[in-house]
Amino acid sequence: MSPQRKQKRQTDGKTAAAGPDTETGAAQTQGGRKPWVKKTPVQVVLDQITKQEEKVNDMREELKKEERELQKLQQAKKVLEAI
């Protein structure tokens, strides 16, 4: 490949990013991404349990709101039926 072609290829969007300028290791963490930490299978399961507990708690709160709304509508229904 001729030097001109290499230069043109490196100025393209994708190939320029993958060129020799790419940084590795700790230098990439300065860009905003934190380094990947391998988790044990136990930690993965514990994280899943925590996420599921949070999801269930959120659903319970939503259910309470919906039940209050239902109570209001049922009271309105009683009033309308009494008329």
C-alpha atoms as a PDB file:
ATOM      1  CA  MET A   1       0.000   0.000   0.000  1.00  0.00           C
ATOM      2  CA  SER A   2       1.368   3.391  -0.926  1.00  0.00           C
ATOM      3  CA  PRO A   3       2.069   6.023   1.773  1.00  0.00           C
ATOM      4  CA  GLN A   4      -0.610   8.299   0.277  1.00  0.00           C
ATOM      5  CA  ARG A   5      -3.189   5.588   0.553  1.00  0.00           C
ATOM      6  CA  LYS A   6      -2.231   4.881   4.165  1.00  0.00           C
ATOM      7  CA  GLN A   7      -2.560   8.576   4.971  1.00  0.00           C
ATOM      8  CA  LYS A   8      -5.981   8.734   3.345  1.00  0.00           C
ATOM      9  CA  ARG A   9      -7.096   5.635   5.171  1.00  0.00           C
ATOM     10  CA  GLN A  10      -6.020   7.029   8.558  1.00  0.00           C
ATOM     11  CA  THR A  11      -7.991  10.219   7.979  1.00  0.00           C
ATOM     12  CA  ASP A  12     -11.226   8.220   7.578  1.00  0.00           C
ATOM     13  CA  GLY A  13     -13.515   8.158  10.606  1.00  0.00           C
ATOM     14  CA  LYS A  14     -13.329   4.569  11.746  1.00  0.00           C
ATOM     15  CA  THR A  15      -9.809   3.745  10.659  1.00  0.00           C
ATOM     16  CA  ALA A  16      -8.377   6.891  12.235  1.00  0.00           C
ATOM     17  CA  ALA A  17      -9.811   5.930  15.609  1.00  0.00           C
ATOM     18  CA  ALA A  18      -8.293   2.477  15.336  1.00  0.00           C
ATOM     19  CA  GLY A  19      -4.943   3.838  14.189  1.00  0.00           C
ATOM     20  CA  PRO A  20      -1.706   3.924  16.141  1.00  0.00           C
ATOM     21  CA  ASP A  21      -2.957   6.810  18.298  1.00  0.00           C
ATOM     22  CA  THR A  22      -5.233   4.598  20.398  1.00  0.00           C
ATOM     23  CA  GLU A  23      -4.508   4.536  24.090  1.00  0.00           C
ATOM     24  CA  THR A  24      -4.782   1.522  26.360  1.00  0.00           C
ATOM     25  CA  GLY A  25      -4.954   0.779  30.038  1.00  0.00           C
ATOM     26  CA  ALA A  26      -5.083   3.603  32.553  1.00  0.00           C
ATOM     27  CA  ALA A  27      -4.935   6.295  29.909  1.00  0.00           C
ATOM     28  CA  GLN A  28      -8.422   5.331  28.673  1.00  0.00           C
ATOM     29  CA  THR A  29      -9.937   5.684  32.133  1.00  0.00           C
ATOM     30  CA  GLN A  30      -9.292   9.432  31.974  1.00  0.00           C
ATOM     31  CA  GLY A  31     -11.803   9.602  29.125  1.00  0.00           C
ATOM     32  CA  GLY A  32     -14.712   8.811  31.432  1.00  0.00           C
ATOM     33  CA  ARG A  33     -14.934   5.031  31.444  1.00  0.00           C
ATOM     34  CA  LYS A  34     -13.910   3.182  34.533  1.00  0.00           C
ATOM     35  CA  PRO A  35     -11.858  -0.004  34.205  1.00  0.00           C
ATOM     36  CA  TRP A  36     -13.701  -3.314  33.968  1.00  0.00           C
ATOM     37  CA  VAL A  37     -13.527  -5.360  37.152  1.00  0.00           C
ATOM     38  CA  LYS A  38     -14.210  -9.063  36.849  1.00  0.00           C
ATOM     39  CA  LYS A  39     -16.897 -10.227  39.276  1.00  0.00           C
ATOM     40  CA  THR A  40     -17.129 -13.612  40.900  1.00  0.00           C
ATOM     41  CA  PRO A  41     -20.239 -15.707  40.185  1.00  0.00           C
ATOM     42  CA  VAL A  42     -21.343 -15.092  43.769  1.00  0.00           C
ATOM     43  CA  GLN A  43     -21.087 -11.320  43.292  1.00  0.00           C
ATOM     44  CA  VAL A  44     -23.065 -11.547  40.044  1.00  0.00           C
ATOM     45  CA  VAL A  45     -25.894 -13.414  41.787  1.00  0.00           C
ATOM     46  CA  LEU A  46     -25.864 -10.982  44.722  1.00  0.00           C
ATOM     47  CA  ASP A  47     -26.103  -8.064  42.294  1.00  0.00           C
ATOM     48  CA  GLN A  48     -29.027  -9.752  40.528  1.00  0.00           C
ATOM     49  CA  ILE A  49     -30.784 -10.233  43.874  1.00  0.00           C
ATOM     50  CA  THR A  50     -30.268  -6.571  44.766  1.00  0.00           C
ATOM     51  CA  LYS A  51     -31.621  -5.421  41.393  1.00  0.00           C
ATOM     52  CA  GLN A  52     -34.648  -7.715  41.744  1.00  0.00           C
ATOM     53  CA  GLU A  53     -35.358  -6.402  45.263  1.00  0.00           C
ATOM     54  CA  GLU A  54     -35.234  -2.823  43.967  1.00  0.00           C
ATOM     55  CA  LYS A  55     -37.535  -3.724  41.087  1.00  0.00           C
ATOM     56  CA  VAL A  56     -40.048  -5.377  43.445  1.00  0.00           C
ATOM     57  CA  ASN A  57     -39.986  -2.379  45.802  1.00  0.00           C
ATOM     58  CA  ASP A  58     -40.633  -0.036  42.889  1.00  0.00           C
ATOM     59  CA  MET A  59     -43.521  -2.223  41.744  1.00  0.00           C
ATOM     60  CA  ARG A  60     -44.979  -2.237  45.276  1.00  0.00           C
ATOM     61  CA  GLU A  61     -44.905   1.563  45.367  1.00  0.00           C
ATOM     62  CA  GLU A  62     -46.596   1.695  41.972  1.00  0.00           C
ATOM     63  CA  LEU A  63     -49.217  -0.802  43.177  1.00  0.00           C
ATOM     64  CA  LYS A  64     -49.969   1.356  46.236  1.00  0.00           C
ATOM     65  CA  LYS A  65     -50.522   4.369  43.973  1.00  0.00           C
ATOM     66  CA  GLU A  66     -52.824   2.364  41.715  1.00  0.00           C
ATOM     67  CA  GLU A  67     -54.784   1.030  44.697  1.00  0.00           C
ATOM     68  CA  ARG A  68     -55.296   4.590  46.006  1.00  0.00           C
ATOM     69  CA  GLU A  69     -56.535   5.641  42.576  1.00  0.00           C
ATOM     70  CA  LEU A  70     -58.917   2.670  42.552  1.00  0.00           C
ATOM     71  CA  GLN A  71     -60.236   3.634  45.995  1.00  0.00           C
ATOM     72  CA  LYS A  72     -60.991   7.151  44.763  1.00  0.00           C
ATOM     73  CA  LEU A  73     -62.772   5.831  41.700  1.00  0.00           C
ATOM     74  CA  GLN A  74     -64.820   3.370  43.756  1.00  0.00           C
ATOM     75  CA  GLN A  75     -65.885   6.174  46.098  1.00  0.00           C
ATOM     76  CA  ALA A  76     -66.901   8.254  43.099  1.00  0.00           C
ATOM     77  CA  LYS A  77     -68.863   5.269  41.771  1.00  0.00           C
ATOM     78  CA  LYS A  78     -70.769   4.953  45.077  1.00  0.00           C
ATOM     79  CA  VAL A  79     -71.648   8.642  44.961  1.00  0.00           C
ATOM     80  CA  LEU A  80     -72.847   8.388  41.381  1.00  0.00           C
ATOM     81  CA  GLU A  81     -74.917   5.275  42.091  1.00  0.00           C
ATOM     82  CA  ALA A  82     -76.560   6.991  45.068  1.00  0.00           C
ATOM     83  CA  ILE A  83     -77.892   9.761  42.832  1.00  0.00           C
END
